[in-house]
Amino acid sequence: MHQSSDTRGPSRRGVMGAAAGLAAGSAARVAAQPAVSGAESGGHVAMRLQINGHDHDLNVDVRTSLLDALREHLDLTGSKKGCDQGQCGACTVLIDDQRELSCLTLAIAAQGRRITTIEGLAGADGALHPMQQAFIDNDAFQCGYCTPGQILSAVACVAEGHATTDADIQEHMSGNLCRCGAYPKIVLAIKQARGQMGRG
């Protein structure tokens, strides 16, 4: 039976024409929108970071994490990229003496604050921080990958007053994972260092 022209489905020519019209309309709307700033579009920004007592001028993507700024732009590779999701603690640094996960902290958000990495923990004369020495004395590491983050978190743990008992230390160090399982020796190291840090 003959089908009338008004009951037929859309033709290929009609679909293509409609799509072209939609695309033209969309392009016109985009062109009419105001331009966004470099920060909004993910452009580069100039910033100054105070790290281990020294100022560092950077020009990086506004979305750069503090961890990537340290490792990729300043060659401070002590802070490790483990999970890059804030779950393992390998990237822990101190910001204004508080422990922070540098993989979850934007570099631009750390401007004007004091950042300490494992490279800046030792004294100016090269003498190890009591926590560093305690980790060595107690053999509180195996592969060493997590050790910089463990040490910085341990320094903060003692400073916060959370190193009074073994259970207290274990609770407040639980954000730093050690895949080698050196936890008992880490606890011993923290107990040794807390006295030398005036918290014994």
N, C-alpha and C. Protein backbone atom coordinates (compact mmCIF):
# COMPACT_ATOMS: atom_id res chain seq x y z
N MET A 1 0.84 -1.19 0.00
CA MET A 1 0.00 0.00 0.00
C MET A 1 0.87 1.23 0.00
N HIS A 2 0.48 2.22 -0.78
CA HIS A 2 1.27 3.44 -0.90
C HIS A 2 1.16 4.27 0.38
N GLN A 3 2.33 4.74 0.88
CA GLN A 3 2.39 5.54 2.10
C GLN A 3 2.48 7.00 1.73
N SER A 4 1.61 7.82 2.31
CA SER A 4 1.63 9.25 1.98
C SER A 4 2.88 9.90 2.51
N SER A 5 3.29 11.00 1.89
CA SER A 5 4.52 11.68 2.24
C SER A 5 4.46 12.26 3.65
N ASP A 6 3.22 12.59 4.22
CA ASP A 6 3.22 13.18 5.55
C ASP A 6 3.33 12.18 6.66
N THR A 7 3.24 10.87 6.36
CA THR A 7 3.34 9.88 7.44
C THR A 7 4.71 9.23 7.49
N ARG A 8 5.57 9.59 6.56
CA ARG A 8 6.90 9.00 6.56
C ARG A 8 7.73 9.57 7.71
N GLY A 9 8.76 8.79 8.21
CA GLY A 9 9.65 9.28 9.27
C GLY A 9 10.55 10.38 8.74
N PRO A 10 11.35 10.96 9.61
CA PRO A 10 12.24 12.05 9.20
C PRO A 10 13.28 11.56 8.20
N SER A 11 13.56 12.41 7.23
CA SER A 11 14.56 12.04 6.24
C SER A 11 15.96 12.35 6.76
N ARG A 12 16.96 11.73 6.15
CA ARG A 12 18.35 11.99 6.53
C ARG A 12 18.69 13.46 6.33
N ARG A 13 18.20 14.05 5.23
CA ARG A 13 18.46 15.46 4.93
C ARG A 13 17.86 16.35 6.02
N GLY A 14 16.66 16.00 6.50
CA GLY A 14 16.02 16.80 7.53
C GLY A 14 16.76 16.73 8.86
N VAL A 15 17.21 15.52 9.23
CA VAL A 15 17.95 15.35 10.49
C VAL A 15 19.24 16.14 10.45
N MET A 16 19.98 16.06 9.33
CA MET A 16 21.25 16.77 9.21
C MET A 16 21.04 18.28 9.28
N GLY A 17 19.97 18.75 8.66
CA GLY A 17 19.69 20.19 8.69
C GLY A 17 19.37 20.67 10.10
N ALA A 18 18.59 19.87 10.84
CA ALA A 18 18.24 20.24 12.21
C ALA A 18 19.48 20.27 13.09
N ALA A 19 20.37 19.28 12.91
CA ALA A 19 21.59 19.22 13.71
C ALA A 19 22.48 20.43 13.44
N ALA A 20 22.57 20.82 12.18
CA ALA A 20 23.38 21.99 11.82
C ALA A 20 22.81 23.25 12.46
N GLY A 21 21.49 23.35 12.48
CA GLY A 21 20.87 24.51 13.11
C GLY A 21 21.14 24.57 14.60
N LEU A 22 21.07 23.41 15.28
CA LEU A 22 21.36 23.37 16.72
C LEU A 22 22.80 23.74 17.00
N ALA A 23 23.72 23.24 16.19
CA ALA A 23 25.14 23.55 16.38
C ALA A 23 25.40 25.03 16.22
N ALA A 24 24.78 25.64 15.21
CA ALA A 24 24.97 27.08 14.98
C ALA A 24 24.45 27.89 16.16
N GLY A 25 23.30 27.47 16.69
CA GLY A 25 22.73 28.17 17.84
C GLY A 25 23.61 28.04 19.07
N SER A 26 24.16 26.85 19.29
CA SER A 26 25.05 26.62 20.43
C SER A 26 26.31 27.45 20.31
N ALA A 27 26.90 27.51 19.11
CA ALA A 27 28.10 28.31 18.90
C ALA A 27 27.84 29.78 19.17
N ALA A 28 26.67 30.25 18.78
CA ALA A 28 26.32 31.66 19.01
C ALA A 28 26.20 31.95 20.50
N ARG A 29 25.63 30.99 21.24
CA ARG A 29 25.50 31.20 22.69
C ARG A 29 26.86 31.23 23.37
N VAL A 30 27.79 30.32 22.96
CA VAL A 30 29.13 30.30 23.54
C VAL A 30 29.86 31.60 23.25
N ALA A 31 29.73 32.09 22.00
CA ALA A 31 30.40 33.34 21.61
C ALA A 31 29.88 34.52 22.40
N ALA A 32 28.64 34.46 22.81
CA ALA A 32 28.04 35.57 23.54
C ALA A 32 28.41 35.59 25.01
N GLN A 33 28.99 34.46 25.55
CA GLN A 33 29.33 34.41 26.96
C GLN A 33 30.58 35.23 27.21
N PRO A 34 30.69 35.87 28.41
CA PRO A 34 31.89 36.66 28.72
C PRO A 34 33.09 35.75 28.89
N ALA A 35 34.27 36.26 28.60
CA ALA A 35 35.50 35.50 28.75
C ALA A 35 35.78 35.28 30.23
N VAL A 36 36.35 34.09 30.57
CA VAL A 36 36.67 33.80 31.96
C VAL A 36 38.12 34.15 32.23
N SER A 37 38.43 34.38 33.50
CA SER A 37 39.80 34.74 33.87
C SER A 37 40.69 33.51 33.78
N GLY A 38 42.01 33.73 33.89
CA GLY A 38 42.95 32.62 33.83
C GLY A 38 42.71 31.63 34.94
N ALA A 39 42.37 32.10 36.15
CA ALA A 39 42.14 31.20 37.27
C ALA A 39 40.92 30.33 37.01
N GLU A 40 39.86 30.93 36.48
CA GLU A 40 38.63 30.19 36.25
C GLU A 40 38.79 29.15 35.15
N SER A 41 39.67 29.43 34.21
CA SER A 41 39.84 28.50 33.10
C SER A 41 40.98 27.53 33.32
N GLY A 42 41.56 27.56 34.51
CA GLY A 42 42.66 26.65 34.79
C GLY A 42 43.98 27.13 34.24
N GLY A 43 44.15 28.45 34.10
CA GLY A 43 45.40 29.00 33.59
C GLY A 43 46.49 29.03 34.65
N HIS A 44 47.65 29.53 34.28
CA HIS A 44 48.79 29.62 35.19
C HIS A 44 48.68 30.87 36.05
N VAL A 45 49.16 30.75 37.28
CA VAL A 45 49.18 31.89 38.20
C VAL A 45 50.53 31.96 38.87
N ALA A 46 50.95 33.17 39.20
CA ALA A 46 52.20 33.37 39.93
C ALA A 46 51.91 33.26 41.42
N MET A 47 52.78 32.59 42.13
CA MET A 47 52.60 32.46 43.57
C MET A 47 53.97 32.37 44.25
N ARG A 48 53.98 32.66 45.53
CA ARG A 48 55.21 32.53 46.32
C ARG A 48 54.91 31.62 47.50
N LEU A 49 55.72 30.58 47.64
CA LEU A 49 55.56 29.63 48.73
C LEU A 49 56.78 29.70 49.64
N GLN A 50 56.52 29.69 50.96
CA GLN A 50 57.60 29.68 51.93
C GLN A 50 57.80 28.24 52.40
N ILE A 51 58.89 27.66 51.95
CA ILE A 51 59.15 26.24 52.22
C ILE A 51 60.49 26.09 52.91
N ASN A 52 60.48 25.46 54.06
CA ASN A 52 61.70 25.22 54.83
C ASN A 52 62.51 26.49 55.06
N GLY A 53 61.78 27.59 55.29
CA GLY A 53 62.42 28.86 55.60
C GLY A 53 62.88 29.67 54.40
N HIS A 54 62.58 29.20 53.21
CA HIS A 54 63.00 29.91 51.99
C HIS A 54 61.78 30.20 51.12
N ASP A 55 61.79 31.35 50.46
CA ASP A 55 60.71 31.71 49.54
C ASP A 55 61.00 31.15 48.16
N HIS A 56 59.96 30.63 47.54
CA HIS A 56 60.07 30.08 46.19
C HIS A 56 58.98 30.69 45.32
N ASP A 57 59.37 31.34 44.23
CA ASP A 57 58.42 31.91 43.29
C ASP A 57 58.11 30.88 42.21
N LEU A 58 56.82 30.67 41.98
CA LEU A 58 56.37 29.68 41.00
C LEU A 58 55.34 30.30 40.08
N ASN A 59 55.25 29.76 38.89
CA ASN A 59 54.17 30.10 37.97
C ASN A 59 53.63 28.77 37.47
N VAL A 60 52.52 28.34 38.07
CA VAL A 60 51.99 27.01 37.78
C VAL A 60 50.49 27.08 37.55
N ASP A 61 49.96 26.01 37.02
CA ASP A 61 48.51 25.90 36.84
C ASP A 61 47.82 26.08 38.18
N VAL A 62 46.75 26.83 38.19
CA VAL A 62 46.04 27.12 39.43
C VAL A 62 45.55 25.85 40.12
N ARG A 63 45.41 24.77 39.37
CA ARG A 63 44.91 23.52 39.94
C ARG A 63 46.02 22.63 40.49
N THR A 64 47.27 23.08 40.46
CA THR A 64 48.41 22.27 40.91
C THR A 64 48.33 22.02 42.41
N SER A 65 48.47 20.77 42.78
CA SER A 65 48.49 20.44 44.22
C SER A 65 49.84 20.84 44.81
N LEU A 66 49.86 21.02 46.11
CA LEU A 66 51.12 21.34 46.79
C LEU A 66 52.12 20.21 46.57
N LEU A 67 51.65 18.97 46.59
CA LEU A 67 52.54 17.83 46.37
C LEU A 67 53.22 17.92 45.00
N ASP A 68 52.45 18.21 43.96
CA ASP A 68 53.04 18.30 42.63
C ASP A 68 53.96 19.52 42.51
N ALA A 69 53.62 20.61 43.19
CA ALA A 69 54.50 21.78 43.17
C ALA A 69 55.84 21.43 43.81
N LEU A 70 55.81 20.72 44.92
CA LEU A 70 57.04 20.33 45.61
C LEU A 70 57.88 19.39 44.76
N ARG A 71 57.25 18.36 44.24
CA ARG A 71 58.00 17.31 43.54
C ARG A 71 58.41 17.71 42.12
N GLU A 72 57.47 18.30 41.38
CA GLU A 72 57.71 18.52 39.95
C GLU A 72 58.31 19.88 39.63
N HIS A 73 58.11 20.85 40.52
CA HIS A 73 58.59 22.20 40.21
C HIS A 73 59.73 22.66 41.12
N LEU A 74 59.88 22.05 42.29
CA LEU A 74 60.92 22.48 43.22
C LEU A 74 61.91 21.38 43.55
N ASP A 75 61.72 20.20 42.97
CA ASP A 75 62.64 19.07 43.16
C ASP A 75 62.77 18.67 44.63
N LEU A 76 61.71 18.88 45.40
CA LEU A 76 61.66 18.42 46.79
C LEU A 76 60.86 17.13 46.80
N THR A 77 61.56 16.03 46.57
CA THR A 77 60.88 14.75 46.32
C THR A 77 60.74 13.89 47.58
N GLY A 78 61.07 14.45 48.74
CA GLY A 78 60.89 13.69 49.98
C GLY A 78 59.42 13.37 50.23
N SER A 79 58.54 14.30 49.90
CA SER A 79 57.10 14.05 50.03
C SER A 79 56.69 13.09 48.92
N LYS A 80 56.14 11.95 49.31
CA LYS A 80 55.88 10.89 48.32
C LYS A 80 54.44 10.91 47.82
N LYS A 81 54.29 10.52 46.57
CA LYS A 81 52.95 10.36 45.99
C LYS A 81 52.59 8.89 46.09
N GLY A 82 51.76 8.57 47.08
CA GLY A 82 51.34 7.19 47.26
C GLY A 82 50.03 6.94 46.56
N CYS A 83 48.93 7.34 47.21
CA CYS A 83 47.60 7.11 46.62
C CYS A 83 47.11 8.32 45.83
N ASP A 84 47.61 9.51 46.14
CA ASP A 84 47.16 10.77 45.53
C ASP A 84 45.68 11.02 45.79
N GLN A 85 45.16 10.42 46.86
CA GLN A 85 43.75 10.58 47.20
C GLN A 85 43.55 10.88 48.70
N GLY A 86 44.64 11.18 49.40
CA GLY A 86 44.52 11.52 50.81
C GLY A 86 44.27 10.35 51.73
N GLN A 87 44.64 9.14 51.30
CA GLN A 87 44.33 7.96 52.11
C GLN A 87 45.54 7.31 52.76
N CYS A 88 46.76 7.59 52.26
CA CYS A 88 47.92 6.84 52.76
C CYS A 88 48.85 7.66 53.65
N GLY A 89 48.83 8.99 53.54
CA GLY A 89 49.66 9.83 54.38
C GLY A 89 51.10 10.00 53.93
N ALA A 90 51.49 9.37 52.82
CA ALA A 90 52.88 9.46 52.37
C ALA A 90 53.30 10.88 51.98
N CYS A 91 52.32 11.72 51.68
CA CYS A 91 52.61 13.09 51.23
C CYS A 91 52.52 14.11 52.36
N THR A 92 52.42 13.66 53.61
CA THR A 92 52.23 14.57 54.74
C THR A 92 53.35 15.60 54.84
N VAL A 93 52.97 16.85 55.00
CA VAL A 93 53.89 17.94 55.29
C VAL A 93 53.33 18.72 56.48
N LEU A 94 54.12 19.64 57.01
CA LEU A 94 53.64 20.52 58.06
C LEU A 94 53.36 21.89 57.46
N ILE A 95 52.19 22.43 57.71
CA ILE A 95 51.85 23.78 57.29
C ILE A 95 51.47 24.55 58.54
N ASP A 96 52.28 25.57 58.85
CA ASP A 96 52.12 26.29 60.12
C ASP A 96 52.11 25.30 61.28
N ASP A 97 53.01 24.32 61.21
CA ASP A 97 53.23 23.30 62.25
C ASP A 97 52.07 22.32 62.39
N GLN A 98 51.11 22.36 61.49
CA GLN A 98 50.00 21.41 61.50
C GLN A 98 50.20 20.43 60.34
N ARG A 99 49.92 19.15 60.58
CA ARG A 99 50.10 18.18 59.51
C ARG A 99 48.99 18.31 58.47
N GLU A 100 49.40 18.28 57.22
CA GLU A 100 48.47 18.42 56.11
C GLU A 100 48.84 17.41 55.02
N LEU A 101 47.85 16.96 54.29
CA LEU A 101 48.09 16.08 53.15
C LEU A 101 48.32 16.95 51.92
N SER A 102 49.55 16.95 51.44
CA SER A 102 49.87 17.86 50.34
C SER A 102 49.22 17.47 49.03
N CYS A 103 48.77 16.22 48.90
CA CYS A 103 48.10 15.82 47.65
C CYS A 103 46.70 16.41 47.57
N LEU A 104 46.12 16.78 48.72
CA LEU A 104 44.77 17.35 48.74
C LEU A 104 44.77 18.85 48.96
N THR A 105 45.96 19.44 49.04
CA THR A 105 46.09 20.88 49.28
C THR A 105 46.55 21.57 48.01
N LEU A 106 45.80 22.56 47.56
CA LEU A 106 46.24 23.32 46.39
C LEU A 106 47.46 24.17 46.77
N ALA A 107 48.42 24.22 45.88
CA ALA A 107 49.62 25.02 46.15
C ALA A 107 49.25 26.47 46.43
N ILE A 108 48.30 27.00 45.67
CA ILE A 108 47.93 28.40 45.82
C ILE A 108 47.31 28.67 47.20
N ALA A 109 46.71 27.65 47.81
CA ALA A 109 46.10 27.80 49.13
C ALA A 109 47.14 27.84 50.24
N ALA A 110 48.38 27.46 49.93
CA ALA A 110 49.44 27.44 50.93
C ALA A 110 50.27 28.71 50.94
N GLN A 111 49.91 29.67 50.10
CA GLN A 111 50.64 30.95 50.08
C GLN A 111 50.53 31.64 51.44
N GLY A 112 51.64 32.26 51.87
CA GLY A 112 51.64 33.00 53.11
C GLY A 112 51.69 32.14 54.36
N ARG A 113 51.89 30.85 54.19
CA ARG A 113 51.95 29.93 55.32
C ARG A 113 53.32 29.24 55.33
N ARG A 114 53.74 28.79 56.50
CA ARG A 114 55.04 28.13 56.65
C ARG A 114 54.91 26.65 56.35
N ILE A 115 55.59 26.22 55.31
CA ILE A 115 55.54 24.83 54.88
C ILE A 115 56.86 24.16 55.27
N THR A 116 56.76 23.02 55.93
CA THR A 116 57.96 22.25 56.27
C THR A 116 57.84 20.87 55.64
N THR A 117 58.86 20.51 54.88
CA THR A 117 58.92 19.17 54.30
C THR A 117 60.03 18.40 55.02
N ILE A 118 60.18 17.14 54.72
CA ILE A 118 61.20 16.33 55.37
C ILE A 118 62.59 16.90 55.13
N GLU A 119 62.79 17.58 53.98
CA GLU A 119 64.10 18.15 53.67
C GLU A 119 64.46 19.29 54.62
N GLY A 120 63.46 19.91 55.25
CA GLY A 120 63.73 21.05 56.12
C GLY A 120 63.63 20.74 57.60
N LEU A 121 63.51 19.46 57.94
CA LEU A 121 63.31 19.11 59.35
C LEU A 121 64.61 19.12 60.15
N ALA A 122 65.70 18.76 59.53
CA ALA A 122 67.00 18.74 60.22
C ALA A 122 67.44 20.17 60.53
N GLY A 123 68.36 20.31 61.45
CA GLY A 123 68.87 21.63 61.83
C GLY A 123 69.74 22.22 60.73
N ALA A 124 70.00 23.51 60.85
CA ALA A 124 70.82 24.20 59.85
C ALA A 124 72.22 23.61 59.76
N ASP A 125 72.69 23.04 60.86
CA ASP A 125 74.03 22.43 60.87
C ASP A 125 74.01 20.98 60.38
N GLY A 126 72.84 20.52 59.97
CA GLY A 126 72.73 19.15 59.48
C GLY A 126 72.37 18.13 60.54
N ALA A 127 72.27 18.58 61.80
CA ALA A 127 71.89 17.65 62.88
C ALA A 127 70.46 17.18 62.68
N LEU A 128 70.25 15.89 62.82
CA LEU A 128 68.92 15.33 62.59
C LEU A 128 67.95 15.78 63.69
N HIS A 129 66.70 15.94 63.29
CA HIS A 129 65.64 16.20 64.26
C HIS A 129 65.53 14.97 65.17
N PRO A 130 65.17 15.14 66.45
CA PRO A 130 65.04 13.98 67.34
C PRO A 130 64.15 12.87 66.78
N MET A 131 63.11 13.23 66.03
CA MET A 131 62.23 12.19 65.47
C MET A 131 62.95 11.43 64.37
N GLN A 132 63.73 12.10 63.56
CA GLN A 132 64.49 11.41 62.53
C GLN A 132 65.47 10.42 63.16
N GLN A 133 66.17 10.90 64.19
CA GLN A 133 67.15 10.04 64.86
C GLN A 133 66.47 8.86 65.53
N ALA A 134 65.30 9.10 66.11
CA ALA A 134 64.56 8.02 66.78
C ALA A 134 64.11 6.96 65.79
N PHE A 135 63.71 7.37 64.58
CA PHE A 135 63.33 6.39 63.57
C PHE A 135 64.53 5.52 63.18
N ILE A 136 65.70 6.13 63.12
CA ILE A 136 66.91 5.36 62.80
C ILE A 136 67.26 4.43 63.96
N ASP A 137 67.25 4.96 65.18
CA ASP A 137 67.64 4.17 66.35
C ASP A 137 66.74 2.96 66.55
N ASN A 138 65.45 3.10 66.22
CA ASN A 138 64.49 2.02 66.45
C ASN A 138 64.18 1.21 65.19
N ASP A 139 64.93 1.50 64.11
CA ASP A 139 64.71 0.77 62.85
C ASP A 139 63.23 0.80 62.47
N ALA A 140 62.65 2.02 62.52
CA ALA A 140 61.20 2.18 62.36
C ALA A 140 60.78 2.34 60.90
N PHE A 141 61.45 1.64 60.04
CA PHE A 141 61.10 1.67 58.60
C PHE A 141 61.71 0.44 57.94
N GLN A 142 61.17 0.10 56.78
CA GLN A 142 61.77 -0.97 55.98
C GLN A 142 62.08 -0.44 54.58
N CYS A 143 61.05 -0.34 53.73
CA CYS A 143 61.33 0.18 52.37
C CYS A 143 61.61 1.67 52.40
N GLY A 144 61.04 2.38 53.38
CA GLY A 144 61.29 3.82 53.53
C GLY A 144 60.38 4.73 52.75
N TYR A 145 59.51 4.17 51.92
CA TYR A 145 58.67 5.03 51.08
C TYR A 145 57.75 5.92 51.91
N CYS A 146 57.18 5.37 52.96
CA CYS A 146 56.24 6.15 53.77
C CYS A 146 56.93 6.96 54.85
N THR A 147 58.24 6.76 55.04
CA THR A 147 58.94 7.31 56.20
C THR A 147 58.89 8.84 56.30
N PRO A 148 59.10 9.60 55.22
CA PRO A 148 59.01 11.07 55.37
C PRO A 148 57.66 11.53 55.93
N GLY A 149 56.58 10.97 55.39
CA GLY A 149 55.25 11.32 55.89
C GLY A 149 55.04 10.85 57.31
N GLN A 150 55.54 9.66 57.64
CA GLN A 150 55.43 9.14 59.00
C GLN A 150 56.14 10.06 59.99
N ILE A 151 57.36 10.49 59.64
CA ILE A 151 58.14 11.33 60.55
C ILE A 151 57.47 12.67 60.78
N LEU A 152 57.01 13.32 59.72
CA LEU A 152 56.36 14.63 59.88
C LEU A 152 55.06 14.51 60.65
N SER A 153 54.31 13.45 60.40
CA SER A 153 53.08 13.23 61.15
C SER A 153 53.40 12.94 62.61
N ALA A 154 54.48 12.21 62.87
CA ALA A 154 54.89 11.90 64.23
C ALA A 154 55.31 13.16 64.99
N VAL A 155 56.00 14.07 64.31
CA VAL A 155 56.38 15.35 64.94
C VAL A 155 55.14 16.10 65.37
N ALA A 156 54.15 16.15 64.49
CA ALA A 156 52.89 16.84 64.82
C ALA A 156 52.13 16.11 65.92
N CYS A 157 52.16 14.79 65.87
CA CYS A 157 51.47 13.98 66.88
C CYS A 157 51.99 14.31 68.28
N VAL A 158 53.29 14.42 68.42
CA VAL A 158 53.90 14.77 69.71
C VAL A 158 53.55 16.20 70.10
N ALA A 159 53.68 17.12 69.14
CA ALA A 159 53.40 18.54 69.41
C ALA A 159 51.94 18.76 69.82
N GLU A 160 51.05 17.94 69.29
CA GLU A 160 49.63 18.06 69.61
C GLU A 160 49.27 17.45 70.97
N GLY A 161 50.24 16.76 71.58
CA GLY A 161 49.98 16.11 72.86
C GLY A 161 49.29 14.77 72.73
N HIS A 162 49.41 14.15 71.56
CA HIS A 162 48.74 12.88 71.31
C HIS A 162 49.70 11.70 71.35
N ALA A 163 50.75 11.79 72.17
CA ALA A 163 51.72 10.70 72.24
C ALA A 163 51.92 10.23 73.67
N THR A 164 50.85 10.24 74.44
CA THR A 164 50.96 9.89 75.86
C THR A 164 51.00 8.39 76.10
N THR A 165 50.24 7.62 75.32
CA THR A 165 50.21 6.17 75.47
C THR A 165 50.37 5.52 74.10
N ASP A 166 50.65 4.22 74.11
CA ASP A 166 50.77 3.50 72.84
C ASP A 166 49.47 3.59 72.05
N ALA A 167 48.35 3.42 72.74
CA ALA A 167 47.05 3.46 72.06
C ALA A 167 46.79 4.84 71.49
N ASP A 168 47.19 5.88 72.21
CA ASP A 168 47.03 7.27 71.75
C ASP A 168 47.85 7.50 70.48
N ILE A 169 49.09 7.01 70.50
CA ILE A 169 49.96 7.16 69.33
C ILE A 169 49.37 6.42 68.13
N GLN A 170 48.93 5.19 68.36
CA GLN A 170 48.37 4.39 67.27
C GLN A 170 47.14 5.06 66.67
N GLU A 171 46.29 5.62 67.52
CA GLU A 171 45.09 6.29 67.04
C GLU A 171 45.42 7.52 66.19
N HIS A 172 46.36 8.34 66.67
CA HIS A 172 46.64 9.61 66.00
C HIS A 172 47.68 9.49 64.89
N MET A 173 48.22 8.28 64.69
CA MET A 173 49.09 8.02 63.54
C MET A 173 48.39 7.14 62.52
N SER A 174 47.11 6.87 62.73
CA SER A 174 46.41 5.91 61.87
C SER A 174 46.21 6.40 60.44
N GLY A 175 46.40 7.68 60.19
CA GLY A 175 46.28 8.20 58.83
C GLY A 175 47.50 7.98 57.98
N ASN A 176 48.57 7.45 58.59
CA ASN A 176 49.81 7.17 57.85
C ASN A 176 49.99 5.66 57.76
N LEU A 177 49.90 5.14 56.55
CA LEU A 177 49.98 3.70 56.34
C LEU A 177 51.41 3.26 56.05
N CYS A 178 51.77 2.10 56.60
CA CYS A 178 53.07 1.49 56.32
C CYS A 178 52.81 0.10 55.76
N ARG A 179 53.03 -0.06 54.48
CA ARG A 179 52.75 -1.36 53.86
C ARG A 179 53.71 -2.44 54.34
N CYS A 180 54.85 -2.04 54.90
CA CYS A 180 55.81 -3.02 55.43
C CYS A 180 55.44 -3.46 56.85
N GLY A 181 54.53 -2.76 57.50
CA GLY A 181 54.08 -3.15 58.83
C GLY A 181 55.03 -2.82 59.95
N ALA A 182 55.72 -1.68 59.86
CA ALA A 182 56.69 -1.30 60.90
C ALA A 182 56.05 -0.55 62.07
N TYR A 183 54.76 -0.70 62.25
CA TYR A 183 54.03 0.09 63.25
C TYR A 183 54.57 -0.02 64.67
N PRO A 184 54.90 -1.21 65.20
CA PRO A 184 55.41 -1.27 66.58
C PRO A 184 56.68 -0.45 66.78
N LYS A 185 57.56 -0.47 65.77
CA LYS A 185 58.81 0.28 65.89
C LYS A 185 58.58 1.78 65.71
N ILE A 186 57.58 2.14 64.94
CA ILE A 186 57.22 3.56 64.80
C ILE A 186 56.75 4.10 66.15
N VAL A 187 55.94 3.31 66.85
CA VAL A 187 55.48 3.71 68.19
C VAL A 187 56.68 3.90 69.12
N LEU A 188 57.64 2.97 69.09
CA LEU A 188 58.83 3.08 69.93
C LEU A 188 59.62 4.34 69.59
N ALA A 189 59.73 4.65 68.31
CA ALA A 189 60.46 5.85 67.90
C ALA A 189 59.80 7.12 68.42
N ILE A 190 58.49 7.17 68.35
CA ILE A 190 57.76 8.35 68.82
C ILE A 190 57.93 8.50 70.33
N LYS A 191 57.89 7.39 71.05
CA LYS A 191 58.07 7.44 72.50
C LYS A 191 59.48 7.91 72.87
N GLN A 192 60.46 7.53 72.09
CA GLN A 192 61.82 8.00 72.34
C GLN A 192 61.94 9.49 72.06
N ALA A 193 61.39 9.92 70.94
CA ALA A 193 61.56 11.31 70.52
C ALA A 193 60.77 12.30 71.38
N ARG A 194 59.65 11.87 71.94
CA ARG A 194 58.80 12.82 72.66
C ARG A 194 59.52 13.43 73.86
N GLY A 195 60.39 12.67 74.52
CA GLY A 195 61.15 13.22 75.64
C GLY A 195 62.15 14.25 75.18
N GLN A 196 62.80 14.00 74.04
CA GLN A 196 63.78 14.92 73.50
C GLN A 196 63.12 16.18 72.92
N MET A 197 61.81 16.05 72.63
CA MET A 197 61.06 17.21 72.11
C MET A 197 60.37 17.96 73.25
N GLY A 198 60.69 17.60 74.51
CA GLY A 198 60.11 18.30 75.65
C GLY A 198 58.70 17.90 75.94
N ARG A 199 58.29 16.71 75.47
CA ARG A 199 56.92 16.26 75.69
C ARG A 199 56.88 14.92 76.43
N GLY A 200 58.00 14.53 77.01
CA GLY A 200 58.07 13.21 77.64
C GLY A 200 57.38 13.14 78.98
